[in-house]
Amino acid sequence: MTPVVLDGGDRRCVLLLIELRKLTTTLPADTVIHLIATDPAAPIDLPAWCHLTGHGYLGPVQGQDRPTFAVRVTAGAVTTDSARPWHPPAR
């Protein structure tokens, strides 16, 4: 299966996580997402977010022109707040 690409461009990681969270809710389990992210915080924030939610962090994708990181969508992942994807949903 071809990975889904999310091109984060030069957006800060906070905005990338909002987009990534939204995208993961629309894809079936086991889909791999390649997130292009130039924010220097991405190599720290992405694994942390995946650990929080239960999605699989697959690490950097080699051979790409820009920094790219792979995430596998996991069934039953923890839902987070849509505007603050590093927090549980507001109640």
PDB file of N, CA and C in Angstrom:
ATOM      1  N   MET A   1       0.849  -1.178   0.000  1.00  0.00           N
ATOM      2  CA  MET A   1       0.000   0.000   0.000  1.00  0.00           C
ATOM      3  C   MET A   1       0.896   1.244   0.000  1.00  0.00           C
ATOM      4  N   THR A   2       0.593   2.188  -0.828  1.00  0.00           N
ATOM      5  CA  THR A   2       1.344   3.436  -0.921  1.00  0.00           C
ATOM      6  C   THR A   2       1.031   4.318   0.282  1.00  0.00           C
ATOM      7  N   PRO A   3       2.060   4.904   0.913  1.00  0.00           N
ATOM      8  CA  PRO A   3       1.798   5.778   2.058  1.00  0.00           C
ATOM      9  C   PRO A   3       1.014   7.022   1.654  1.00  0.00           C
ATOM     10  N   VAL A   4       0.225   7.523   2.591  1.00  0.00           N
ATOM     11  CA  VAL A   4      -0.457   8.803   2.437  1.00  0.00           C
ATOM     12  C   VAL A   4       0.550   9.873   2.831  1.00  0.00           C
ATOM     13  N   VAL A   5       0.688  10.914   2.024  1.00  0.00           N
ATOM     14  CA  VAL A   5       1.667  11.967   2.309  1.00  0.00           C
ATOM     15  C   VAL A   5       0.962  13.195   2.865  1.00  0.00           C
ATOM     16  N   LEU A   6       1.470  13.677   3.988  1.00  0.00           N
ATOM     17  CA  LEU A   6       1.017  14.931   4.576  1.00  0.00           C
ATOM     18  C   LEU A   6       2.208  15.877   4.537  1.00  0.00           C
ATOM     19  N   ASP A   7       2.151  16.869   3.657  1.00  0.00           N
ATOM     20  CA  ASP A   7       3.251  17.808   3.500  1.00  0.00           C
ATOM     21  C   ASP A   7       3.041  18.973   4.452  1.00  0.00           C
ATOM     22  N   GLY A   8       3.803  18.974   5.524  1.00  0.00           N
ATOM     23  CA  GLY A   8       3.681  20.016   6.525  1.00  0.00           C
ATOM     24  C   GLY A   8       4.435  21.282   6.188  1.00  0.00           C
ATOM     25  N   GLY A   9       5.224  21.232   5.108  1.00  0.00           N
ATOM     26  CA  GLY A   9       5.972  22.412   4.707  1.00  0.00           C
ATOM     27  C   GLY A   9       6.797  22.949   5.855  1.00  0.00           C
ATOM     28  N   ASP A  10       6.738  24.252   6.075  1.00  0.00           N
ATOM     29  CA  ASP A  10       7.514  24.860   7.155  1.00  0.00           C
ATOM     30  C   ASP A  10       6.645  25.199   8.370  1.00  0.00           C
ATOM     31  N   ARG A  11       5.476  24.559   8.463  1.00  0.00           N
ATOM     32  CA  ARG A  11       4.590  24.819   9.606  1.00  0.00           C
ATOM     33  C   ARG A  11       5.206  24.278  10.900  1.00  0.00           C
ATOM     34  N   ARG A  12       4.892  24.958  11.982  1.00  0.00           N
ATOM     35  CA  ARG A  12       5.352  24.502  13.299  1.00  0.00           C
ATOM     36  C   ARG A  12       4.705  23.169  13.643  1.00  0.00           C
ATOM     37  N   CYS A  13       5.356  22.433  14.506  1.00  0.00           N
ATOM     38  CA  CYS A  13       4.899  21.092  14.862  1.00  0.00           C
ATOM     39  C   CYS A  13       3.511  21.102  15.491  1.00  0.00           C
ATOM     40  N   VAL A  14       3.164  22.156  16.222  1.00  0.00           N
ATOM     41  CA  VAL A  14       1.829  22.251  16.821  1.00  0.00           C
ATOM     42  C   VAL A  14       0.755  22.143  15.736  1.00  0.00           C
ATOM     43  N   LEU A  15       0.926  22.880  14.658  1.00  0.00           N
ATOM     44  CA  LEU A  15      -0.040  22.836  13.557  1.00  0.00           C
ATOM     45  C   LEU A  15       0.001  21.499  12.828  1.00  0.00           C
ATOM     46  N   LEU A  16       1.186  20.920  12.719  1.00  0.00           N
ATOM     47  CA  LEU A  16       1.309  19.617  12.065  1.00  0.00           C
ATOM     48  C   LEU A  16       0.566  18.537  12.845  1.00  0.00           C
ATOM     49  N   LEU A  17       0.663  18.587  14.162  1.00  0.00           N
ATOM     50  CA  LEU A  17      -0.042  17.592  14.971  1.00  0.00           C
ATOM     51  C   LEU A  17      -1.551  17.735  14.837  1.00  0.00           C
ATOM     52  N   ILE A  18      -2.043  18.956  14.710  1.00  0.00           N
ATOM     53  CA  ILE A  18      -3.477  19.156  14.492  1.00  0.00           C
ATOM     54  C   ILE A  18      -3.890  18.514  13.166  1.00  0.00           C
ATOM     55  N   GLU A  19      -3.105  18.738  12.132  1.00  0.00           N
ATOM     56  CA  GLU A  19      -3.403  18.149  10.823  1.00  0.00           C
ATOM     57  C   GLU A  19      -3.261  16.632  10.852  1.00  0.00           C
ATOM     58  N   LEU A  20      -2.214  16.141  11.503  1.00  0.00           N
ATOM     59  CA  LEU A  20      -1.997  14.699  11.589  1.00  0.00           C
ATOM     60  C   LEU A  20      -3.131  14.032  12.352  1.00  0.00           C
ATOM     61  N   ARG A  21      -3.549  14.620  13.450  1.00  0.00           N
ATOM     62  CA  ARG A  21      -4.650  14.057  14.232  1.00  0.00           C
ATOM     63  C   ARG A  21      -5.911  13.947  13.381  1.00  0.00           C
ATOM     64  N   LYS A  22      -6.211  15.019  12.652  1.00  0.00           N
ATOM     65  CA  LYS A  22      -7.398  15.015  11.791  1.00  0.00           C
ATOM     66  C   LYS A  22      -7.284  13.933  10.723  1.00  0.00           C
ATOM     67  N   LEU A  23      -6.118  13.821  10.104  1.00  0.00           N
ATOM     68  CA  LEU A  23      -5.920  12.825   9.045  1.00  0.00           C
ATOM     69  C   LEU A  23      -6.060  11.402   9.577  1.00  0.00           C
ATOM     70  N   THR A  24      -5.508  11.134  10.757  1.00  0.00           N
ATOM     71  CA  THR A  24      -5.577   9.765  11.283  1.00  0.00           C
ATOM     72  C   THR A  24      -7.006   9.314  11.539  1.00  0.00           C
ATOM     73  N   THR A  25      -7.907  10.258  11.788  1.00  0.00           N
ATOM     74  CA  THR A  25      -9.307   9.875  12.040  1.00  0.00           C
ATOM     75  C   THR A  25     -10.044   9.505  10.757  1.00  0.00           C
ATOM     76  N   THR A  26      -9.442   9.783   9.591  1.00  0.00           N
ATOM     77  CA  THR A  26     -10.114   9.504   8.323  1.00  0.00           C
ATOM     78  C   THR A  26      -9.556   8.276   7.604  1.00  0.00           C
ATOM     79  N   LEU A  27      -8.515   7.673   8.172  1.00  0.00           N
ATOM     80  CA  LEU A  27      -7.837   6.575   7.480  1.00  0.00           C
ATOM     81  C   LEU A  27      -8.028   5.252   8.216  1.00  0.00           C
ATOM     82  N   PRO A  28      -8.026   4.149   7.478  1.00  0.00           N
ATOM     83  CA  PRO A  28      -8.151   2.849   8.134  1.00  0.00           C
ATOM     84  C   PRO A  28      -6.865   2.471   8.882  1.00  0.00           C
ATOM     85  N   ALA A  29      -7.024   1.578   9.837  1.00  0.00           N
ATOM     86  CA  ALA A  29      -5.878   1.064  10.582  1.00  0.00           C
ATOM     87  C   ALA A  29      -4.848   0.470   9.631  1.00  0.00           C
ATOM     88  N   ASP A  30      -3.612   0.570  10.015  1.00  0.00           N
ATOM     89  CA  ASP A  30      -2.440   0.068   9.282  1.00  0.00           C
ATOM     90  C   ASP A  30      -2.027   0.942   8.105  1.00  0.00           C
ATOM     91  N   THR A  31      -2.740   2.039   7.865  1.00  0.00           N
ATOM     92  CA  THR A  31      -2.304   2.979   6.840  1.00  0.00           C
ATOM     93  C   THR A  31      -1.038   3.672   7.334  1.00  0.00           C
ATOM     94  N   VAL A  32      -0.058   3.807   6.451  1.00  0.00           N
ATOM     95  CA  VAL A  32       1.169   4.520   6.800  1.00  0.00           C
ATOM     96  C   VAL A  32       1.076   5.940   6.241  1.00  0.00           C
ATOM     97  N   ILE A  33       1.414   6.900   7.089  1.00  0.00           N
ATOM     98  CA  ILE A  33       1.444   8.305   6.709  1.00  0.00           C
ATOM     99  C   ILE A  33       2.897   8.750   6.675  1.00  0.00           C
ATOM    100  N   HIS A  34       3.293   9.400   5.605  1.00  0.00           N
ATOM    101  CA  HIS A  34       4.603  10.047   5.532  1.00  0.00           C
ATOM    102  C   HIS A  34       4.382  11.530   5.759  1.00  0.00           C
ATOM    103  N   LEU A  35       4.861  12.027   6.885  1.00  0.00           N
ATOM    104  CA  LEU A  35       4.706  13.419   7.255  1.00  0.00           C
ATOM    105  C   LEU A  35       6.002  14.163   6.948  1.00  0.00           C
ATOM    106  N   ILE A  36       5.914  15.117   6.036  1.00  0.00           N
ATOM    107  CA  ILE A  36       7.062  15.957   5.710  1.00  0.00           C
ATOM    108  C   ILE A  36       7.037  17.128   6.685  1.00  0.00           C
ATOM    109  N   ALA A  37       8.114  17.260   7.471  1.00  0.00           N
ATOM    110  CA  ALA A  37       8.135  18.273   8.521  1.00  0.00           C
ATOM    111  C   ALA A  37       9.542  18.826   8.702  1.00  0.00           C
ATOM    112  N   THR A  38       9.695  20.121   8.462  1.00  0.00           N
ATOM    113  CA  THR A  38      11.000  20.744   8.627  1.00  0.00           C
ATOM    114  C   THR A  38      11.198  21.342  10.017  1.00  0.00           C
ATOM    115  N   ASP A  39      10.157  21.394  10.825  1.00  0.00           N
ATOM    116  CA  ASP A  39      10.279  21.927  12.180  1.00  0.00           C
ATOM    117  C   ASP A  39      11.274  21.057  12.953  1.00  0.00           C
ATOM    118  N   PRO A  40      12.290  21.669  13.571  1.00  0.00           N
ATOM    119  CA  PRO A  40      13.279  20.884  14.305  1.00  0.00           C
ATOM    120  C   PRO A  40      12.699  20.109  15.489  1.00  0.00           C
ATOM    121  N   ALA A  41      11.498  20.460  15.934  1.00  0.00           N
ATOM    122  CA  ALA A  41      10.866  19.738  17.044  1.00  0.00           C
ATOM    123  C   ALA A  41      10.198  18.442  16.591  1.00  0.00           C
ATOM    124  N   ALA A  42       9.998  18.261  15.298  1.00  0.00           N
ATOM    125  CA  ALA A  42       9.277  17.088  14.794  1.00  0.00           C
ATOM    126  C   ALA A  42       9.874  15.755  15.266  1.00  0.00           C
ATOM    127  N   PRO A  43      11.196  15.561  15.235  1.00  0.00           N
ATOM    128  CA  PRO A  43      11.731  14.273  15.681  1.00  0.00           C
ATOM    129  C   PRO A  43      11.480  13.984  17.161  1.00  0.00           C
ATOM    130  N   ILE A  44      11.122  15.002  17.929  1.00  0.00           N
ATOM    131  CA  ILE A  44      10.795  14.807  19.345  1.00  0.00           C
ATOM    132  C   ILE A  44       9.286  14.710  19.533  1.00  0.00           C
ATOM    133  N   ASP A  45       8.553  15.641  18.907  1.00  0.00           N
ATOM    134  CA  ASP A  45       7.104  15.709  19.104  1.00  0.00           C
ATOM    135  C   ASP A  45       6.346  14.541  18.488  1.00  0.00           C
ATOM    136  N   LEU A  46       6.746  14.094  17.313  1.00  0.00           N
ATOM    137  CA  LEU A  46       6.003  13.008  16.654  1.00  0.00           C
ATOM    138  C   LEU A  46       6.048  11.698  17.436  1.00  0.00           C
ATOM    139  N   PRO A  47       7.228  11.226  17.882  1.00  0.00           N
ATOM    140  CA  PRO A  47       7.222   9.997  18.679  1.00  0.00           C
ATOM    141  C   PRO A  47       6.439  10.155  19.984  1.00  0.00           C
ATOM    142  N   ALA A  48       6.529  11.345  20.596  1.00  0.00           N
ATOM    143  CA  ALA A  48       5.794  11.574  21.840  1.00  0.00           C
ATOM    144  C   ALA A  48       4.287  11.516  21.603  1.00  0.00           C
ATOM    145  N   TRP A  49       3.826  12.147  20.506  1.00  0.00           N
ATOM    146  CA  TRP A  49       2.397  12.132  20.199  1.00  0.00           C
ATOM    147  C   TRP A  49       1.929  10.700  19.895  1.00  0.00           C
ATOM    148  N   CYS A  50       2.733   9.971  19.156  1.00  0.00           N
ATOM    149  CA  CYS A  50       2.372   8.579  18.848  1.00  0.00           C
ATOM    150  C   CYS A  50       2.305   7.746  20.123  1.00  0.00           C
ATOM    151  N   HIS A  51       3.232   7.964  21.043  1.00  0.00           N
ATOM    152  CA  HIS A  51       3.206   7.250  22.317  1.00  0.00           C
ATOM    153  C   HIS A  51       1.930   7.590  23.093  1.00  0.00           C
ATOM    154  N   LEU A  52       1.552   8.868  23.092  1.00  0.00           N
ATOM    155  CA  LEU A  52       0.348   9.318  23.781  1.00  0.00           C
ATOM    156  C   LEU A  52      -0.910   8.688  23.190  1.00  0.00           C
ATOM    157  N   THR A  53      -0.990   8.635  21.869  1.00  0.00           N
ATOM    158  CA  THR A  53      -2.223   8.199  21.211  1.00  0.00           C
ATOM    159  C   THR A  53      -2.274   6.703  20.916  1.00  0.00           C
ATOM    160  N   GLY A  54      -1.114   6.075  20.793  1.00  0.00           N
ATOM    161  CA  GLY A  54      -1.083   4.658  20.441  1.00  0.00           C
ATOM    162  C   GLY A  54      -0.840   4.402  18.968  1.00  0.00           C
ATOM    163  N   HIS A  55      -0.725   5.462  18.160  1.00  0.00           N
ATOM    164  CA  HIS A  55      -0.350   5.268  16.764  1.00  0.00           C
ATOM    165  C   HIS A  55       1.115   4.861  16.727  1.00  0.00           C
ATOM    166  N   GLY A  56       1.509   4.159  15.670  1.00  0.00           N
ATOM    167  CA  GLY A  56       2.872   3.667  15.583  1.00  0.00           C
ATOM    168  C   GLY A  56       3.824   4.667  14.946  1.00  0.00           C
ATOM    169  N   TYR A  57       4.871   5.027  15.660  1.00  0.00           N
ATOM    170  CA  TYR A  57       5.906   5.890  15.094  1.00  0.00           C
ATOM    171  C   TYR A  57       6.941   4.993  14.448  1.00  0.00           C
ATOM    172  N   LEU A  58       7.107   5.121  13.135  1.00  0.00           N
ATOM    173  CA  LEU A  58       8.021   4.264  12.391  1.00  0.00           C
ATOM    174  C   LEU A  58       9.376   4.917  12.148  1.00  0.00           C
ATOM    175  N   GLY A  59       9.493   6.189  12.479  1.00  0.00           N
ATOM    176  CA  GLY A  59      10.774   6.868  12.388  1.00  0.00           C
ATOM    177  C   GLY A  59      10.975   7.631  11.095  1.00  0.00           C
ATOM    178  N   PRO A  60      12.196   8.160  10.927  1.00  0.00           N
ATOM    179  CA  PRO A  60      12.517   8.920   9.720  1.00  0.00           C
ATOM    180  C   PRO A  60      12.483   8.030   8.475  1.00  0.00           C
ATOM    181  N   VAL A  61      12.056   8.620   7.374  1.00  0.00           N
ATOM    182  CA  VAL A  61      12.038   7.918   6.086  1.00  0.00           C
ATOM    183  C   VAL A  61      13.306   8.315   5.344  1.00  0.00           C
ATOM    184  N   GLN A  62      14.129   7.358   5.031  1.00  0.00           N
ATOM    185  CA  GLN A  62      15.406   7.621   4.364  1.00  0.00           C
ATOM    186  C   GLN A  62      15.197   7.919   2.878  1.00  0.00           C
ATOM    187  N   GLY A  63      16.134   8.664   2.302  1.00  0.00           N
ATOM    188  CA  GLY A  63      16.131   8.906   0.866  1.00  0.00           C
ATOM    189  C   GLY A  63      15.161   9.965   0.379  1.00  0.00           C
ATOM    190  N   GLN A  64      14.682  10.816   1.283  1.00  0.00           N
ATOM    191  CA  GLN A  64      13.746  11.870   0.906  1.00  0.00           C
ATOM    192  C   GLN A  64      14.495  13.200   0.782  1.00  0.00           C
ATOM    193  N   ASP A  65      13.985  14.108  -0.052  1.00  0.00           N
ATOM    194  CA  ASP A  65      14.593  15.428  -0.219  1.00  0.00           C
ATOM    195  C   ASP A  65      14.437  16.309   1.016  1.00  0.00           C
ATOM    196  N   ARG A  66      13.317  16.140   1.719  1.00  0.00           N
ATOM    197  CA  ARG A  66      13.035  16.928   2.923  1.00  0.00           C
ATOM    198  C   ARG A  66      12.812  15.975   4.087  1.00  0.00           C
ATOM    199  N   PRO A  67      12.982  16.439   5.323  1.00  0.00           N
ATOM    200  CA  PRO A  67      12.759  15.557   6.477  1.00  0.00           C
ATOM    201  C   PRO A  67      11.344  14.968   6.444  1.00  0.00           C
ATOM    202  N   THR A  68      11.287  13.641   6.471  1.00  0.00           N
ATOM    203  CA  THR A  68      10.018  12.921   6.377  1.00  0.00           C
ATOM    204  C   THR A  68       9.985  11.848   7.455  1.00  0.00           C
ATOM    205  N   PHE A  69       8.836  11.718   8.108  1.00  0.00           N
ATOM    206  CA  PHE A  69       8.678  10.780   9.214  1.00  0.00           C
ATOM    207  C   PHE A  69       7.456   9.905   8.952  1.00  0.00           C
ATOM    208  N   ALA A  70       7.558   8.633   9.314  1.00  0.00           N
ATOM    209  CA  ALA A  70       6.472   7.690   9.053  1.00  0.00           C
ATOM    210  C   ALA A  70       5.704   7.373  10.329  1.00  0.00           C
ATOM    211  N   VAL A  71       4.376   7.351  10.187  1.00  0.00           N
ATOM    212  CA  VAL A  71       3.459   7.022  11.279  1.00  0.00           C
ATOM    213  C   VAL A  71       2.472   5.990  10.750  1.00  0.00           C
ATOM    214  N   ARG A  72       2.211   4.945  11.546  1.00  0.00           N
ATOM    215  CA  ARG A  72       1.203   3.944  11.168  1.00  0.00           C
ATOM    216  C   ARG A  72      -0.058   4.178  11.998  1.00  0.00           C
ATOM    217  N   VAL A  73      -1.197   4.304  11.329  1.00  0.00           N
ATOM    218  CA  VAL A  73      -2.483   4.485  11.996  1.00  0.00           C
ATOM    219  C   VAL A  73      -2.837   3.189  12.720  1.00  0.00           C
ATOM    220  N   THR A  74      -3.237   3.316  13.971  1.00  0.00           N
ATOM    221  CA  THR A  74      -3.559   2.161  14.802  1.00  0.00           C
ATOM    222  C   THR A  74      -5.041   2.164  15.156  1.00  0.00           C
ATOM    223  N   ALA A  75      -5.668   1.008  15.015  1.00  0.00           N
ATOM    224  CA  ALA A  75      -7.067   0.873  15.431  1.00  0.00           C
ATOM    225  C   ALA A  75      -7.148   1.061  16.941  1.00  0.00           C
ATOM    226  N   GLY A  76      -8.170   1.740  17.391  1.00  0.00           N
ATOM    227  CA  GLY A  76      -8.376   1.928  18.822  1.00  0.00           C
ATOM    228  C   GLY A  76      -7.435   2.926  19.457  1.00  0.00           C
ATOM    229  N   ALA A  77      -6.836   3.791  18.651  1.00  0.00           N
ATOM    230  CA  ALA A  77      -5.932   4.807  19.200  1.00  0.00           C
ATOM    231  C   ALA A  77      -6.700   5.743  20.129  1.00  0.00           C
ATOM    232  N   VAL A  78      -5.986   6.329  21.064  1.00  0.00           N
ATOM    233  CA  VAL A  78      -6.582   7.262  22.013  1.00  0.00           C
ATOM    234  C   VAL A  78      -6.972   8.535  21.273  1.00  0.00           C
ATOM    235  N   THR A  79      -8.188   8.982  21.500  1.00  0.00           N
ATOM    236  CA  THR A  79      -8.666  10.219  20.891  1.00  0.00           C
ATOM    237  C   THR A  79      -8.135  11.403  21.685  1.00  0.00           C
ATOM    238  N   THR A  80      -7.731  12.431  20.977  1.00  0.00           N
ATOM    239  CA  THR A  80      -7.249  13.644  21.638  1.00  0.00           C
ATOM    240  C   THR A  80      -8.106  14.825  21.193  1.00  0.00           C
ATOM    241  N   ASP A  81      -7.937  15.943  21.878  1.00  0.00           N
ATOM    242  CA  ASP A  81      -8.672  17.165  21.559  1.00  0.00           C
ATOM    243  C   ASP A  81      -8.320  17.615  20.144  1.00  0.00           C
ATOM    244  N   SER A  82      -9.308  17.975  19.347  1.00  0.00           N
ATOM    245  CA  SER A  82      -9.059  18.328  17.944  1.00  0.00           C
ATOM    246  C   SER A  82      -8.240  19.606  17.790  1.00  0.00           C
ATOM    247  N   ALA A  83      -8.343  20.545  18.720  1.00  0.00           N
ATOM    248  CA  ALA A  83      -7.584  21.780  18.632  1.00  0.00           C
ATOM    249  C   ALA A  83      -6.259  21.701  19.383  1.00  0.00           C
ATOM    250  N   ARG A  84      -6.170  20.757  20.296  1.00  0.00           N
ATOM    251  CA  ARG A  84      -4.950  20.559  21.102  1.00  0.00           C
ATOM    252  C   ARG A  84      -4.667  19.061  21.152  1.00  0.00           C
ATOM    253  N   PRO A  85      -4.094  18.499  20.074  1.00  0.00           N
ATOM    254  CA  PRO A  85      -3.976  17.050  19.972  1.00  0.00           C
ATOM    255  C   PRO A  85      -3.007  16.407  20.953  1.00  0.00           C
ATOM    256  N   TRP A  86      -2.406  17.169  21.819  1.00  0.00           N
ATOM    257  CA  TRP A  86      -1.535  16.622  22.846  1.00  0.00           C
ATOM    258  C   TRP A  86      -2.271  16.547  24.184  1.00  0.00           C
ATOM    259  N   HIS A  87      -3.606  16.801  24.158  1.00  0.00           N
ATOM    260  CA  HIS A  87      -4.457  16.723  25.359  1.00  0.00           C
ATOM    261  C   HIS A  87      -5.633  15.781  25.097  1.00  0.00           C
ATOM    262  N   PRO A  88      -6.161  15.161  26.159  1.00  0.00           N
ATOM    263  CA  PRO A  88      -7.407  14.388  26.005  1.00  0.00           C
ATOM    264  C   PRO A  88      -8.525  15.301  25.525  1.00  0.00           C
ATOM    265  N   PRO A  89      -9.592  14.751  24.937  1.00  0.00           N
ATOM    266  CA  PRO A  89     -10.691  15.594  24.467  1.00  0.00           C
ATOM    267  C   PRO A  89     -11.341  16.359  25.608  1.00  0.00           C
ATOM    268  N   ALA A  90     -11.781  17.576  25.296  1.00  0.00           N
ATOM    269  CA  ALA A  90     -12.499  18.382  26.290  1.00  0.00           C
ATOM    270  C   ALA A  90     -13.827  17.729  26.613  1.00  0.00           C
ATOM    271  N   ARG A  91     -14.240  17.846  27.850  1.00  0.00           N
ATOM    272  CA  ARG A  91     -15.510  17.214  28.251  1.00  0.00           C
ATOM    273  C   ARG A  91     -16.481  18.235  28.719  1.00  0.00           C
TER     274      ARG A  91
END
